[in-house]
Amino acid sequence: MNIERIMNRYGRSISAFDSDGKLIEKKKCFIQALRYKNKMYLEGTPTEIGMDDAGYYLFLGPASMQTDKMGDRGYLSDGKKKYHIDRCEKIWYGEDVFYLWAVLKEHTDGSYPVYNHFPERR
């Protein structure tokens, strides 16, 4: 199965930027507002891509996405919002990376957050 082919067909265009705002790449990915168990998210704000409770989103991206080139202050954008990676992991299928899984935090005005989403730096 080729998950990147599915993402290319059904995903949204997401651009990855480094800490200087330079475009690294643009890929088709999935971003969905995180939902909580026990229907706690029903009090959130409805958005185009789901219910937004605290500005956290689930991200699924192709294995070929170069999130390691973003740096700690890099971000993802769908053209309307900026998202910082709070946590990112590679999902493996045997010996190969199958796709990327991440929790994103929407960037709002104010101080710029510093996330340490690279497991090797924790």
N, C-alpha and C. Protein backbone atom coordinates (compact mmCIF):
# COMPACT_ATOMS: atom_id res chain seq x y z
N MET A 1 0.85 -1.19 0.00
CA MET A 1 0.00 0.00 0.00
C MET A 1 0.89 1.24 0.00
N ASN A 2 0.51 2.22 -0.77
CA ASN A 2 1.26 3.46 -0.85
C ASN A 2 0.43 4.58 -0.23
N ILE A 3 0.73 4.90 1.02
CA ILE A 3 -0.06 5.91 1.73
C ILE A 3 0.14 7.32 1.14
N GLU A 4 1.31 7.58 0.57
CA GLU A 4 1.55 8.90 -0.02
C GLU A 4 0.63 9.12 -1.23
N ARG A 5 0.33 8.06 -1.97
CA ARG A 5 -0.60 8.19 -3.09
C ARG A 5 -1.99 8.56 -2.59
N ILE A 6 -2.41 7.98 -1.47
CA ILE A 6 -3.71 8.32 -0.87
C ILE A 6 -3.70 9.77 -0.41
N MET A 7 -2.60 10.20 0.23
CA MET A 7 -2.51 11.59 0.69
C MET A 7 -2.54 12.56 -0.49
N ASN A 8 -1.86 12.21 -1.57
CA ASN A 8 -1.86 13.08 -2.76
C ASN A 8 -3.25 13.23 -3.35
N ARG A 9 -4.05 12.20 -3.22
CA ARG A 9 -5.39 12.25 -3.79
C ARG A 9 -6.39 12.97 -2.88
N TYR A 10 -6.30 12.72 -1.56
CA TYR A 10 -7.33 13.21 -0.65
C TYR A 10 -6.84 14.27 0.35
N GLY A 11 -5.55 14.49 0.44
CA GLY A 11 -5.01 15.40 1.45
C GLY A 11 -5.11 16.87 1.06
N ARG A 12 -4.68 17.71 1.98
CA ARG A 12 -4.65 19.16 1.77
C ARG A 12 -3.20 19.58 1.54
N SER A 13 -3.01 20.63 0.78
CA SER A 13 -1.66 21.15 0.54
C SER A 13 -1.15 21.82 1.80
N ILE A 14 -0.04 21.32 2.30
CA ILE A 14 0.59 21.85 3.51
C ILE A 14 2.02 22.21 3.17
N SER A 15 2.42 23.42 3.53
CA SER A 15 3.78 23.89 3.28
C SER A 15 4.57 23.83 4.56
N ALA A 16 5.83 23.39 4.45
CA ALA A 16 6.74 23.35 5.60
C ALA A 16 7.75 24.47 5.44
N PHE A 17 7.96 25.23 6.51
CA PHE A 17 8.88 26.36 6.51
C PHE A 17 9.93 26.17 7.59
N ASP A 18 11.13 26.68 7.36
CA ASP A 18 12.16 26.63 8.40
C ASP A 18 11.99 27.82 9.32
N SER A 19 12.88 27.96 10.30
CA SER A 19 12.75 29.02 11.31
C SER A 19 12.92 30.42 10.74
N ASP A 20 13.48 30.53 9.53
CA ASP A 20 13.61 31.84 8.88
C ASP A 20 12.44 32.15 7.96
N GLY A 21 11.46 31.25 7.91
CA GLY A 21 10.29 31.46 7.05
C GLY A 21 10.52 31.02 5.61
N LYS A 22 11.62 30.31 5.36
CA LYS A 22 11.93 29.85 4.01
C LYS A 22 11.17 28.54 3.73
N LEU A 23 10.51 28.48 2.57
CA LEU A 23 9.76 27.29 2.20
C LEU A 23 10.71 26.11 1.98
N ILE A 24 10.44 25.01 2.66
CA ILE A 24 11.22 23.79 2.50
C ILE A 24 10.58 22.91 1.44
N GLU A 25 9.28 22.69 1.58
CA GLU A 25 8.56 21.85 0.64
C GLU A 25 7.06 22.01 0.84
N LYS A 26 6.32 21.52 -0.12
CA LYS A 26 4.86 21.51 -0.06
C LYS A 26 4.41 20.09 -0.36
N LYS A 27 3.58 19.53 0.53
CA LYS A 27 3.11 18.15 0.38
C LYS A 27 1.61 18.11 0.68
N LYS A 28 0.99 17.04 0.24
CA LYS A 28 -0.41 16.78 0.58
C LYS A 28 -0.42 15.98 1.88
N CYS A 29 -1.17 16.46 2.86
CA CYS A 29 -1.20 15.86 4.20
C CYS A 29 -2.63 15.92 4.73
N PHE A 30 -2.81 15.31 5.88
CA PHE A 30 -4.08 15.38 6.59
C PHE A 30 -3.87 16.14 7.89
N ILE A 31 -4.74 17.12 8.15
CA ILE A 31 -4.76 17.83 9.43
C ILE A 31 -6.20 17.82 9.92
N GLN A 32 -6.38 17.41 11.16
CA GLN A 32 -7.71 17.33 11.74
C GLN A 32 -7.65 17.84 13.17
N ALA A 33 -8.63 18.63 13.57
CA ALA A 33 -8.69 19.11 14.95
C ALA A 33 -8.74 17.91 15.88
N LEU A 34 -7.95 17.95 16.96
CA LEU A 34 -7.95 16.84 17.93
C LEU A 34 -9.27 16.82 18.67
N ARG A 35 -9.77 15.64 18.82
CA ARG A 35 -11.02 15.45 19.55
C ARG A 35 -10.71 14.67 20.82
N TYR A 36 -11.45 14.98 21.86
CA TYR A 36 -11.23 14.33 23.15
C TYR A 36 -12.31 13.30 23.40
N LYS A 37 -11.98 12.31 24.21
CA LYS A 37 -12.95 11.28 24.56
C LYS A 37 -14.06 11.88 25.41
N ASN A 38 -15.11 11.12 25.57
CA ASN A 38 -16.26 11.49 26.41
C ASN A 38 -16.96 12.75 25.92
N LYS A 39 -16.82 13.05 24.66
CA LYS A 39 -17.51 14.18 24.01
C LYS A 39 -17.21 15.52 24.66
N MET A 40 -16.04 15.62 25.31
CA MET A 40 -15.66 16.88 25.94
C MET A 40 -15.43 17.97 24.89
N TYR A 41 -15.14 17.58 23.63
CA TYR A 41 -14.82 18.55 22.61
C TYR A 41 -16.05 19.28 22.08
N LEU A 42 -17.25 18.88 22.49
CA LEU A 42 -18.46 19.49 21.96
C LEU A 42 -18.57 20.96 22.29
N GLU A 43 -17.84 21.42 23.30
CA GLU A 43 -17.89 22.82 23.67
C GLU A 43 -16.88 23.65 22.92
N GLY A 44 -16.14 23.04 22.03
CA GLY A 44 -15.12 23.73 21.26
C GLY A 44 -15.71 24.61 20.18
N THR A 45 -14.85 25.13 19.33
CA THR A 45 -15.26 26.01 18.25
C THR A 45 -15.29 25.24 16.94
N PRO A 46 -16.43 25.23 16.23
CA PRO A 46 -16.45 24.52 14.96
C PRO A 46 -15.56 25.23 13.94
N THR A 47 -14.75 24.47 13.22
CA THR A 47 -13.90 25.03 12.17
C THR A 47 -14.12 24.24 10.90
N GLU A 48 -13.49 24.71 9.83
CA GLU A 48 -13.62 24.06 8.53
C GLU A 48 -13.15 22.61 8.55
N ILE A 49 -12.15 22.31 9.41
CA ILE A 49 -11.60 20.95 9.43
C ILE A 49 -11.98 20.18 10.70
N GLY A 50 -12.96 20.66 11.42
CA GLY A 50 -13.40 19.93 12.61
C GLY A 50 -13.56 20.83 13.81
N MET A 51 -13.66 20.23 14.97
CA MET A 51 -13.87 20.95 16.21
C MET A 51 -12.54 21.34 16.82
N ASP A 52 -12.36 22.62 17.10
CA ASP A 52 -11.11 23.13 17.66
C ASP A 52 -11.34 23.46 19.12
N ASP A 53 -10.73 22.68 20.00
CA ASP A 53 -10.94 22.88 21.43
C ASP A 53 -9.85 23.72 22.05
N ALA A 54 -8.60 23.42 21.77
CA ALA A 54 -7.51 24.16 22.40
C ALA A 54 -6.41 24.48 21.41
N GLY A 55 -6.71 24.46 20.14
CA GLY A 55 -5.71 24.79 19.14
C GLY A 55 -4.76 23.64 18.81
N TYR A 56 -5.12 22.40 19.20
CA TYR A 56 -4.29 21.25 18.89
C TYR A 56 -4.88 20.47 17.72
N TYR A 57 -4.01 19.97 16.87
CA TYR A 57 -4.45 19.26 15.68
C TYR A 57 -3.64 17.99 15.50
N LEU A 58 -4.28 16.98 14.91
CA LEU A 58 -3.61 15.75 14.53
C LEU A 58 -3.12 15.92 13.10
N PHE A 59 -1.89 15.52 12.85
CA PHE A 59 -1.27 15.64 11.53
C PHE A 59 -0.79 14.27 11.06
N LEU A 60 -1.12 13.93 9.83
CA LEU A 60 -0.58 12.74 9.17
C LEU A 60 0.06 13.22 7.88
N GLY A 61 1.34 12.90 7.71
CA GLY A 61 2.06 13.35 6.54
C GLY A 61 2.84 12.21 5.91
N PRO A 62 3.25 12.40 4.66
CA PRO A 62 4.00 11.35 3.98
C PRO A 62 5.38 11.14 4.61
N ALA A 63 5.87 9.91 4.49
CA ALA A 63 7.18 9.57 5.06
C ALA A 63 8.29 10.43 4.47
N SER A 64 8.09 10.91 3.25
CA SER A 64 9.12 11.70 2.57
C SER A 64 9.18 13.16 3.04
N MET A 65 8.26 13.58 3.89
CA MET A 65 8.25 14.97 4.36
C MET A 65 9.47 15.24 5.23
N GLN A 66 10.12 16.36 4.98
CA GLN A 66 11.39 16.68 5.62
C GLN A 66 11.22 17.56 6.86
N THR A 67 10.49 17.06 7.86
CA THR A 67 10.27 17.85 9.07
C THR A 67 11.57 18.10 9.83
N ASP A 68 12.57 17.25 9.64
CA ASP A 68 13.85 17.44 10.33
C ASP A 68 14.58 18.68 9.84
N LYS A 69 14.24 19.22 8.68
CA LYS A 69 14.88 20.43 8.16
C LYS A 69 14.19 21.71 8.64
N MET A 70 13.08 21.57 9.37
CA MET A 70 12.33 22.73 9.84
C MET A 70 13.02 23.42 11.01
N GLY A 71 13.69 22.69 11.86
CA GLY A 71 14.28 23.26 13.06
C GLY A 71 13.23 23.46 14.14
N ASP A 72 13.66 23.87 15.31
CA ASP A 72 12.76 24.02 16.45
C ASP A 72 11.75 25.15 16.28
N ARG A 73 12.02 26.10 15.42
CA ARG A 73 11.10 27.21 15.22
C ARG A 73 10.46 27.21 13.84
N GLY A 74 10.58 26.09 13.15
CA GLY A 74 9.91 25.95 11.86
C GLY A 74 8.42 25.73 12.08
N TYR A 75 7.67 25.78 11.00
CA TYR A 75 6.23 25.62 11.13
C TYR A 75 5.64 25.05 9.84
N LEU A 76 4.41 24.57 9.96
CA LEU A 76 3.63 24.11 8.82
C LEU A 76 2.51 25.11 8.60
N SER A 77 2.05 25.24 7.38
CA SER A 77 0.96 26.16 7.09
C SER A 77 0.08 25.61 5.98
N ASP A 78 -1.22 25.84 6.12
CA ASP A 78 -2.17 25.47 5.07
C ASP A 78 -2.56 26.69 4.25
N GLY A 79 -1.85 27.81 4.46
CA GLY A 79 -2.15 29.05 3.76
C GLY A 79 -3.01 29.99 4.59
N LYS A 80 -3.70 29.45 5.58
CA LYS A 80 -4.56 30.27 6.44
C LYS A 80 -4.02 30.32 7.86
N LYS A 81 -3.53 29.19 8.34
CA LYS A 81 -3.04 29.09 9.71
C LYS A 81 -1.62 28.56 9.71
N LYS A 82 -0.91 28.89 10.80
CA LYS A 82 0.42 28.34 11.04
C LYS A 82 0.31 27.33 12.18
N TYR A 83 1.03 26.23 12.03
CA TYR A 83 1.03 25.18 13.03
C TYR A 83 2.47 24.85 13.40
N HIS A 84 2.72 24.72 14.69
CA HIS A 84 4.02 24.29 15.18
C HIS A 84 3.90 22.84 15.62
N ILE A 85 4.94 22.08 15.37
CA ILE A 85 4.92 20.67 15.75
C ILE A 85 5.23 20.55 17.23
N ASP A 86 4.26 20.01 17.96
CA ASP A 86 4.44 19.80 19.40
C ASP A 86 5.14 18.46 19.63
N ARG A 87 4.76 17.46 18.86
CA ARG A 87 5.38 16.14 18.94
C ARG A 87 5.24 15.47 17.58
N CYS A 88 6.30 14.84 17.12
CA CYS A 88 6.29 14.18 15.82
C CYS A 88 6.98 12.82 15.92
N GLU A 89 6.38 11.83 15.31
CA GLU A 89 6.95 10.49 15.31
C GLU A 89 6.84 9.87 13.93
N LYS A 90 7.80 9.02 13.61
CA LYS A 90 7.75 8.24 12.38
C LYS A 90 6.99 6.96 12.69
N ILE A 91 6.07 6.59 11.82
CA ILE A 91 5.35 5.34 11.96
C ILE A 91 5.95 4.36 10.96
N TRP A 92 6.41 3.25 11.49
CA TRP A 92 7.17 2.28 10.69
C TRP A 92 6.28 1.15 10.22
N TYR A 93 6.58 0.64 9.04
CA TYR A 93 5.98 -0.58 8.50
C TYR A 93 7.15 -1.48 8.13
N GLY A 94 7.45 -2.41 9.02
CA GLY A 94 8.64 -3.23 8.83
C GLY A 94 9.88 -2.37 9.00
N GLU A 95 10.72 -2.31 8.00
CA GLU A 95 11.96 -1.54 8.05
C GLU A 95 11.84 -0.16 7.41
N ASP A 96 10.64 0.19 6.94
CA ASP A 96 10.45 1.45 6.23
C ASP A 96 9.53 2.38 7.02
N VAL A 97 9.78 3.69 6.90
CA VAL A 97 8.87 4.68 7.48
C VAL A 97 7.64 4.72 6.59
N PHE A 98 6.48 4.49 7.20
CA PHE A 98 5.22 4.42 6.47
C PHE A 98 4.60 5.81 6.31
N TYR A 99 4.56 6.58 7.41
CA TYR A 99 4.06 7.95 7.38
C TYR A 99 4.52 8.67 8.64
N LEU A 100 4.28 9.98 8.71
CA LEU A 100 4.60 10.79 9.89
C LEU A 100 3.31 11.09 10.64
N TRP A 101 3.38 10.99 11.95
CA TRP A 101 2.28 11.30 12.85
C TRP A 101 2.75 12.44 13.73
N ALA A 102 1.90 13.46 13.93
CA ALA A 102 2.31 14.57 14.79
C ALA A 102 1.10 15.21 15.46
N VAL A 103 1.37 15.87 16.56
CA VAL A 103 0.41 16.75 17.21
C VAL A 103 0.89 18.16 16.92
N LEU A 104 0.00 18.96 16.35
CA LEU A 104 0.34 20.34 16.01
C LEU A 104 -0.38 21.28 16.96
N LYS A 105 0.23 22.43 17.18
CA LYS A 105 -0.38 23.50 17.97
C LYS A 105 -0.50 24.71 17.06
N GLU A 106 -1.69 25.26 16.98
CA GLU A 106 -1.88 26.44 16.15
C GLU A 106 -1.11 27.62 16.73
N HIS A 107 -0.37 28.32 15.87
CA HIS A 107 0.38 29.48 16.32
C HIS A 107 -0.55 30.68 16.35
N THR A 108 -0.60 31.34 17.47
CA THR A 108 -1.40 32.55 17.62
C THR A 108 -0.47 33.70 17.89
N ASP A 109 -0.99 34.90 17.88
CA ASP A 109 -0.16 36.08 18.17
C ASP A 109 0.41 35.97 19.57
N GLY A 110 1.53 36.60 19.76
CA GLY A 110 2.18 36.56 21.07
C GLY A 110 3.57 36.00 20.92
N SER A 111 4.13 35.55 22.01
CA SER A 111 5.49 35.04 21.97
C SER A 111 5.56 33.76 21.16
N TYR A 112 6.64 33.59 20.47
CA TYR A 112 6.84 32.45 19.60
C TYR A 112 7.21 31.23 20.44
N PRO A 113 6.44 30.15 20.35
CA PRO A 113 6.75 28.97 21.16
C PRO A 113 7.97 28.23 20.63
N VAL A 114 8.70 27.63 21.51
CA VAL A 114 9.83 26.78 21.11
C VAL A 114 9.45 25.36 21.47
N TYR A 115 9.30 24.54 20.47
CA TYR A 115 8.94 23.15 20.67
C TYR A 115 10.15 22.29 20.39
N ASN A 116 10.27 21.23 21.12
CA ASN A 116 11.37 20.29 20.91
C ASN A 116 10.75 18.98 20.44
N HIS A 117 10.34 18.95 19.17
CA HIS A 117 9.61 17.81 18.65
C HIS A 117 10.51 16.72 18.09
N PHE A 118 11.81 16.90 18.15
CA PHE A 118 12.72 15.90 17.63
C PHE A 118 13.13 14.96 18.75
N PRO A 119 12.72 13.69 18.69
CA PRO A 119 12.99 12.75 19.77
C PRO A 119 14.48 12.65 20.13
N GLU A 120 15.35 12.77 19.14
CA GLU A 120 16.78 12.63 19.42
C GLU A 120 17.35 13.81 20.22
N ARG A 121 16.58 14.90 20.36
CA ARG A 121 17.05 16.06 21.13
C ARG A 121 16.43 16.13 22.51
N ARG A 122 15.54 15.21 22.84
CA ARG A 122 14.88 15.24 24.15
C ARG A 122 15.79 14.71 25.23
